[in-house]
Amino acid sequence: MIKGTVKTEATYRAKAIDSSSSLKEFSMDRKKYYRKYILGEDVEDKDTQAATIGRVVETLLLEPEEFDNRFHMSSCAEAPSALMLAFVNALYKHTKEATDDHGNVTRSFEDISKDAYVESGFKIKYDAVIGKFVGSDAEIYYNEMRLVKSKGLTVVTAEDVTNAEKIVEELRNNPVTKDVVNLVNSPRYSVYNQLQVENYEIDGHMFKSMMDKVIVDHEQRTIQVYDLKCTWSVENFLEEYYLYRRAYIQAYLYTIAATAFRDSQEELDEYDVLPPRFLVCDSTNYYNPLIYKLSEQDLEDAYSGFTHKSREYKGVGTIIADLKWALENNVWNISRENSITNGLVKIRG
């Protein structure tokens, strides 16, 4: 029987079942999916500043007791900015790739830093970048990343946390969002933060989901899922996040997860699972937060696929079929469609 639970993030992620995140990764980068979920490699995700702030906001708002299990407070007042941060992230990535099982770095710092320099996009000379890096807060930040990332922690600064606290305060007081984020359990409402549902099925494939906030309204007999997103473009969420980052996949899976949760709870029999909503805040805490509502048609499109501004977006049903084919045949270097045509592809349509 499927039951909703509230457990730690680490426990949830340790369970080897696909989720909306892994399905999205498969749809966008089969090679990354193969390395991460089939080979079990430790593949680093590229965290943007907005994504990091979003995780801090989510933790402070929904699970403040988990902060120390997810983040390491840097001794630097603020993170390196712009290109230097890109250089530090690239330097960490190449250092990690060059580190053997015994913790020994097998390449020289000069070689690693030159690769990081190229990847970062700096236009000034390599020697000038190294001159700015050595002995600076950027070097401290880099060493902190090496120390704590292996423990599953993300390095954040006091500035990051202060900004996140202001965003949380805004969400709790803004008229658009306060009634949602401040809602607590009562005779009318059951409120679940980070509700986890595991072993639900879509098209014969098993999934798990961890939903930020689920509100069960016993008076209206409804179940509403909310997902918190922190982005730099609140008012262009459709283009810059929902479509670009394939959040429609998450929306569809969360709907099925919430339905599975309802069906596992006898007292929720015949409650309506409403289309999910995205609670979107600004990572710089300037723009007003907004709540984006989905319709039943949006969910149908998410499953079947749709076209927006002449661009086609593959639906969840097709993506799952593609994934199952790849798993059953252990083929990852060619898509199901191109395999069916024996690699002969029309240049247009």
Protein backbone atom coordinates (compact mmCIF):
# COMPACT_ATOMS: atom_id res chain seq x y z
CA MET A 1 0.00 0.00 0.00
CA ILE A 2 1.26 3.47 -0.84
CA LYS A 3 1.37 5.81 2.11
CA GLY A 4 2.53 9.39 2.30
CA THR A 5 5.38 9.90 4.70
CA VAL A 6 7.52 12.74 5.91
CA LYS A 7 11.15 11.60 6.24
CA THR A 8 14.54 13.17 5.76
CA GLU A 9 15.67 14.22 2.31
CA ALA A 10 18.64 11.85 2.54
CA THR A 11 16.36 8.87 3.21
CA TYR A 12 14.18 9.81 0.27
CA ARG A 13 17.09 10.20 -2.15
CA ALA A 14 18.66 6.93 -1.05
CA LYS A 15 15.72 4.94 -2.43
CA ALA A 16 16.62 3.88 -5.97
CA ILE A 17 13.39 4.67 -7.79
CA ASP A 18 12.88 7.15 -10.59
CA SER A 19 11.42 10.55 -9.78
CA SER A 20 10.38 13.61 -11.74
CA SER A 21 13.98 14.85 -11.45
CA SER A 22 15.52 11.70 -12.92
CA LEU A 23 12.85 11.52 -15.63
CA LYS A 24 13.59 15.13 -16.55
CA GLU A 25 17.31 14.36 -16.65
CA PHE A 26 16.69 11.40 -18.95
CA SER A 27 14.58 13.56 -21.27
CA MET A 28 17.32 16.20 -21.50
CA ASP A 29 20.55 14.19 -21.22
CA ARG A 30 20.45 10.39 -21.56
CA LYS A 31 24.23 10.19 -21.02
CA LYS A 32 23.97 11.95 -17.66
CA TYR A 33 21.08 9.69 -16.64
CA TYR A 34 23.09 6.60 -17.58
CA ARG A 35 26.16 7.72 -15.64
CA LYS A 36 24.20 8.84 -12.58
CA TYR A 37 21.46 6.24 -12.23
CA ILE A 38 22.77 3.17 -14.05
CA LEU A 39 26.50 3.29 -13.42
CA GLY A 40 26.03 4.97 -10.04
CA GLU A 41 28.65 7.63 -10.71
CA ASP A 42 28.76 10.72 -8.51
CA VAL A 43 27.69 13.23 -11.14
CA GLU A 44 27.79 16.82 -9.97
CA ASP A 45 24.77 18.96 -10.79
CA LYS A 46 25.46 22.53 -11.84
CA ASP A 47 23.88 24.61 -9.09
CA THR A 48 23.01 28.16 -10.08
CA GLN A 49 22.87 30.84 -7.42
CA ALA A 50 19.07 30.93 -7.77
CA ALA A 51 18.90 27.16 -7.27
CA THR A 52 21.08 27.34 -4.15
CA ILE A 53 19.02 30.18 -2.69
CA GLY A 54 15.91 28.20 -3.53
CA ARG A 55 17.13 25.20 -1.54
CA VAL A 56 17.97 27.40 1.44
CA VAL A 57 14.56 29.10 1.25
CA GLU A 58 12.79 25.75 1.02
CA THR A 59 14.70 24.42 4.02
CA LEU A 60 14.18 27.50 6.21
CA LEU A 61 10.49 27.66 5.30
CA LEU A 62 9.54 23.99 5.48
CA GLU A 63 12.25 22.11 7.39
CA PRO A 64 14.47 24.54 9.36
CA GLU A 65 15.70 21.69 11.57
CA GLU A 66 17.41 20.16 8.50
CA PHE A 67 19.61 23.19 7.72
CA ASP A 68 22.80 21.81 9.27
CA ASN A 69 22.29 18.48 7.47
CA ARG A 70 22.24 20.21 4.08
CA PHE A 71 24.45 23.28 4.26
CA HIS A 72 27.86 24.45 5.46
CA MET A 73 28.19 28.09 6.45
CA SER A 74 31.24 29.56 4.71
CA SER A 75 33.74 31.69 6.59
CA CYS A 76 33.53 34.08 3.62
CA ALA A 77 31.05 36.92 3.97
CA GLU A 78 29.86 36.39 0.40
CA ALA A 79 30.45 33.96 -2.43
CA PRO A 80 32.85 34.80 -5.26
CA SER A 81 31.03 36.80 -7.88
CA ALA A 82 30.42 36.30 -11.59
CA LEU A 83 33.33 34.74 -13.48
CA MET A 84 35.38 34.00 -10.37
CA LEU A 85 32.55 31.83 -9.04
CA ALA A 86 32.43 30.03 -12.39
CA PHE A 87 36.19 29.51 -12.12
CA VAL A 88 35.90 28.17 -8.55
CA ASN A 89 33.09 25.78 -9.53
CA ALA A 90 35.08 24.52 -12.52
CA LEU A 91 38.21 24.21 -10.39
CA TYR A 92 36.32 22.10 -7.87
CA LYS A 93 34.86 19.92 -10.63
CA HIS A 94 38.23 19.23 -12.26
CA THR A 95 39.88 18.64 -8.87
CA LYS A 96 37.22 16.08 -7.99
CA GLU A 97 37.62 14.34 -11.34
CA ALA A 98 41.37 14.11 -10.75
CA THR A 99 41.05 12.69 -7.23
CA ASP A 100 41.57 8.93 -6.86
CA ASP A 101 39.89 6.54 -4.44
CA HIS A 102 42.53 7.30 -1.79
CA GLY A 103 41.92 11.05 -1.90
CA ASN A 104 45.07 11.86 -3.87
CA VAL A 105 44.87 14.51 -6.60
CA THR A 106 46.55 12.96 -9.64
CA ARG A 107 47.02 16.13 -11.69
CA SER A 108 48.96 19.30 -10.94
CA PHE A 109 47.14 22.39 -9.76
CA GLU A 110 48.45 24.25 -12.80
CA ASP A 111 46.86 21.76 -15.21
CA ILE A 112 43.57 21.68 -13.31
CA SER A 113 43.39 25.45 -12.97
CA LYS A 114 44.10 25.96 -16.68
CA ASP A 115 41.17 23.71 -17.54
CA ALA A 116 39.01 25.65 -15.07
CA TYR A 117 40.20 28.93 -16.57
CA VAL A 118 39.10 27.88 -20.06
CA GLU A 119 35.77 26.58 -18.83
CA SER A 120 34.98 29.68 -16.75
CA GLY A 121 35.03 32.07 -19.71
CA PHE A 122 37.48 34.60 -18.30
CA LYS A 123 38.81 37.01 -20.94
CA ILE A 124 41.75 38.29 -18.91
CA LYS A 125 44.96 36.24 -18.92
CA TYR A 126 45.32 33.05 -16.90
CA ASP A 127 48.09 34.51 -14.72
CA ALA A 128 45.87 37.45 -13.80
CA VAL A 129 43.05 35.11 -12.74
CA ILE A 130 45.41 33.03 -10.58
CA GLY A 131 46.73 36.26 -9.07
CA LYS A 132 43.19 37.22 -8.06
CA PHE A 133 42.45 33.72 -6.78
CA VAL A 134 45.45 32.83 -4.61
CA GLY A 135 45.11 34.12 -1.06
CA SER A 136 41.60 35.46 -1.65
CA ASP A 137 38.16 34.54 -0.31
CA ALA A 138 37.66 32.66 -3.58
CA GLU A 139 40.46 30.24 -2.61
CA ILE A 140 38.92 29.80 0.84
CA TYR A 141 35.54 29.11 -0.77
CA TYR A 142 37.13 26.53 -3.08
CA ASN A 143 38.81 24.72 -0.17
CA GLU A 144 35.53 24.71 1.75
CA MET A 145 33.81 23.11 -1.25
CA ARG A 146 36.46 20.39 -1.33
CA LEU A 147 36.00 19.78 2.39
CA VAL A 148 32.22 19.58 2.65
CA LYS A 149 30.80 18.53 -0.72
CA SER A 150 31.99 14.98 -0.17
CA LYS A 151 29.73 15.00 2.90
CA GLY A 152 26.72 15.96 0.79
CA LEU A 153 26.67 19.55 2.02
CA THR A 154 26.35 22.75 0.00
CA VAL A 155 28.53 25.73 0.86
CA VAL A 156 26.51 28.88 1.54
CA THR A 157 27.50 32.28 2.86
CA ALA A 158 26.00 34.49 5.52
CA GLU A 159 24.82 36.72 2.69
CA ASP A 160 23.00 33.76 1.08
CA VAL A 161 21.27 32.86 4.33
CA THR A 162 20.31 36.46 5.09
CA ASN A 163 18.82 36.79 1.61
CA ALA A 164 16.94 33.50 2.03
CA GLU A 165 15.58 34.62 5.40
CA LYS A 166 14.23 37.80 3.79
CA ILE A 167 12.55 35.75 1.06
CA VAL A 168 10.98 33.48 3.67
CA GLU A 169 9.72 36.51 5.56
CA GLU A 170 8.25 37.89 2.33
CA LEU A 171 6.49 34.59 1.58
CA ARG A 172 5.02 34.53 5.08
CA ASN A 173 3.71 38.08 4.88
CA ASN A 174 2.90 38.69 1.22
CA PRO A 175 -0.86 38.68 0.51
CA VAL A 176 -0.35 36.37 -2.49
CA THR A 177 1.40 33.60 -0.55
CA LYS A 178 0.80 34.04 3.19
CA ASP A 179 -2.43 32.02 3.33
CA VAL A 180 -0.63 29.05 1.79
CA VAL A 181 2.75 29.08 3.56
CA ASN A 182 1.31 29.89 7.00
CA LEU A 183 -1.44 27.28 6.92
CA VAL A 184 -1.21 24.71 9.72
CA ASN A 185 -3.15 21.63 10.75
CA SER A 186 -6.68 22.28 11.97
CA PRO A 187 -10.05 20.51 11.97
CA ARG A 188 -10.53 21.73 8.39
CA TYR A 189 -7.01 21.32 6.99
CA SER A 190 -4.32 18.65 7.06
CA VAL A 191 -1.01 20.18 5.99
CA TYR A 192 1.97 18.09 4.89
CA ASN A 193 5.41 19.57 4.27
CA GLN A 194 7.84 17.53 2.13
CA LEU A 195 5.32 14.73 1.73
CA GLN A 196 6.95 11.64 0.24
CA VAL A 197 5.08 9.08 -1.81
CA GLU A 198 6.95 6.03 -3.05
CA ASN A 199 6.18 3.10 -5.36
CA TYR A 200 3.40 4.63 -7.42
CA GLU A 201 3.08 3.61 -11.03
CA ILE A 202 2.74 5.39 -14.36
CA ASP A 203 2.56 3.28 -17.52
CA GLY A 204 4.08 0.28 -15.76
CA HIS A 205 7.07 2.22 -14.35
CA MET A 206 7.59 2.90 -10.65
CA PHE A 207 8.19 6.39 -9.28
CA LYS A 208 8.68 8.33 -6.06
CA SER A 209 7.96 11.98 -5.31
CA MET A 210 8.66 14.44 -2.51
CA MET A 211 6.13 17.26 -2.64
CA ASP A 212 6.93 20.56 -0.92
CA LYS A 213 3.47 21.22 0.47
CA VAL A 214 0.23 19.25 0.26
CA ILE A 215 -2.95 20.74 1.68
CA VAL A 216 -5.95 18.52 2.29
CA ASP A 217 -9.15 20.55 2.67
CA HIS A 218 -11.66 18.36 4.52
CA GLU A 219 -14.47 20.87 4.01
CA GLN A 220 -14.07 21.19 0.24
CA ARG A 221 -12.82 17.58 0.00
CA THR A 222 -9.83 18.55 -2.11
CA ILE A 223 -6.10 17.84 -2.18
CA GLN A 224 -3.85 20.66 -3.42
CA VAL A 225 -0.13 20.25 -4.14
CA TYR A 226 2.20 23.26 -4.03
CA ASP A 227 5.77 23.26 -5.25
CA LEU A 228 8.13 26.08 -4.28
CA LYS A 229 10.38 27.51 -6.99
CA CYS A 230 12.97 30.25 -6.51
CA THR A 231 13.96 31.87 -9.78
CA TRP A 232 15.46 35.04 -11.21
CA SER A 233 12.46 35.53 -13.53
CA VAL A 234 9.23 35.33 -11.53
CA GLU A 235 6.96 36.93 -14.12
CA ASN A 236 8.35 34.86 -16.99
CA PHE A 237 8.11 31.54 -15.16
CA LEU A 238 6.37 29.78 -18.05
CA GLU A 239 9.19 30.36 -20.52
CA GLU A 240 12.20 30.43 -18.24
CA TYR A 241 11.34 27.55 -15.90
CA TYR A 242 8.17 25.58 -16.60
CA LEU A 243 9.20 24.91 -20.20
CA TYR A 244 12.98 25.43 -20.16
CA ARG A 245 13.49 23.21 -17.10
CA ARG A 246 10.68 20.79 -17.99
CA ALA A 247 8.74 21.48 -14.78
CA TYR A 248 5.61 20.17 -16.53
CA ILE A 249 7.06 16.67 -15.97
CA GLN A 250 7.14 17.34 -12.24
CA ALA A 251 3.60 18.74 -12.31
CA TYR A 252 2.21 15.59 -13.91
CA LEU A 253 4.09 13.19 -11.62
CA TYR A 254 3.05 15.13 -8.53
CA THR A 255 -0.57 14.84 -9.59
CA ILE A 256 -0.28 11.06 -9.85
CA ALA A 257 1.66 10.91 -6.57
CA ALA A 258 -1.04 12.91 -4.79
CA THR A 259 -3.68 10.61 -6.27
CA ALA A 260 -1.76 7.56 -5.02
CA PHE A 261 -1.54 9.18 -1.58
CA ARG A 262 -5.30 9.80 -1.59
CA ASP A 263 -6.07 6.24 -2.65
CA SER A 264 -3.94 4.86 0.19
CA GLN A 265 -5.86 6.83 2.83
CA GLU A 266 -9.35 5.45 3.43
CA GLU A 267 -10.56 8.70 4.97
CA LEU A 268 -9.69 10.61 1.78
CA ASP A 269 -11.87 8.47 -0.45
CA GLU A 270 -13.55 10.56 -3.17
CA TYR A 271 -11.47 13.68 -2.44
CA ASP A 272 -10.56 15.57 -5.62
CA VAL A 273 -6.86 15.95 -6.46
CA LEU A 274 -6.56 19.44 -7.93
CA PRO A 275 -3.97 20.39 -10.57
CA PRO A 276 -0.75 21.38 -8.77
CA ARG A 277 0.38 24.95 -8.29
CA PHE A 278 3.84 26.49 -8.39
CA LEU A 279 4.63 29.01 -5.66
CA VAL A 280 7.33 31.14 -7.31
CA CYS A 281 9.60 33.59 -5.48
CA ASP A 282 12.40 35.86 -6.65
CA SER A 283 15.93 34.72 -5.73
CA THR A 284 16.91 38.38 -5.17
CA ASN A 285 13.74 39.14 -3.18
CA TYR A 286 12.79 42.04 -5.43
CA TYR A 287 9.81 40.85 -7.46
CA ASN A 288 6.54 39.97 -5.81
CA PRO A 289 6.00 36.21 -5.42
CA LEU A 290 3.33 34.67 -7.63
CA ILE A 291 1.33 31.44 -7.64
CA TYR A 292 1.02 29.76 -11.03
CA LYS A 293 -2.07 27.60 -11.51
CA LEU A 294 -2.29 24.63 -13.83
CA SER A 295 -5.45 23.42 -15.54
CA GLU A 296 -6.61 19.91 -16.41
CA GLN A 297 -5.62 20.68 -20.02
CA ASP A 298 -2.10 21.56 -18.86
CA LEU A 299 -1.87 18.13 -17.23
CA GLU A 300 -3.17 16.40 -20.35
CA ASP A 301 -0.56 18.26 -22.40
CA ALA A 302 2.15 17.32 -19.91
CA TYR A 303 1.36 13.65 -20.45
CA SER A 304 0.66 13.67 -24.19
CA GLY A 305 3.12 16.35 -25.30
CA PHE A 306 2.46 19.78 -26.74
CA THR A 307 3.77 22.58 -28.91
CA HIS A 308 4.57 26.07 -27.68
CA LYS A 309 5.79 28.79 -30.04
CA SER A 310 6.62 26.23 -32.73
CA ARG A 311 8.71 24.15 -30.32
CA GLU A 312 7.62 20.62 -29.49
CA TYR A 313 7.77 19.34 -25.92
CA LYS A 314 7.76 15.58 -25.45
CA GLY A 315 5.09 14.31 -23.07
CA VAL A 316 5.59 12.22 -19.96
CA GLY A 317 4.02 9.16 -21.61
CA THR A 318 6.55 9.18 -24.44
CA ILE A 319 9.48 9.93 -22.12
CA ILE A 320 8.57 6.96 -19.92
CA ALA A 321 8.29 4.73 -23.00
CA ASP A 322 11.72 5.92 -24.12
CA LEU A 323 13.20 5.25 -20.68
CA LYS A 324 11.69 1.78 -20.44
CA TRP A 325 13.07 0.94 -23.89
CA ALA A 326 16.54 2.13 -22.89
CA LEU A 327 16.41 0.12 -19.65
CA GLU A 328 15.09 -3.05 -21.29
CA ASN A 329 17.63 -2.94 -24.12
CA ASN A 330 20.48 -1.32 -22.18
CA VAL A 331 20.92 1.13 -25.04
CA TRP A 332 21.79 4.70 -24.09
CA ASN A 333 23.71 6.15 -27.02
CA ILE A 334 20.75 6.43 -29.40
CA SER A 335 17.12 7.36 -28.93
CA ARG A 336 14.29 4.88 -29.34
CA GLU A 337 12.98 6.78 -32.36
CA ASN A 338 16.30 6.80 -34.17
CA SER A 339 16.90 3.15 -33.36
CA ILE A 340 13.55 2.23 -34.89
CA THR A 341 14.53 3.97 -38.15
CA ASN A 342 17.95 2.30 -38.09
CA GLY A 343 19.61 5.68 -37.72
CA LEU A 344 18.06 7.18 -40.87
CA VAL A 345 16.64 10.55 -39.90
CA LYS A 346 14.83 13.14 -41.99
CA ILE A 347 16.68 16.43 -41.82
CA ARG A 348 13.37 18.29 -41.40
CA GLY A 349 10.24 16.79 -39.89
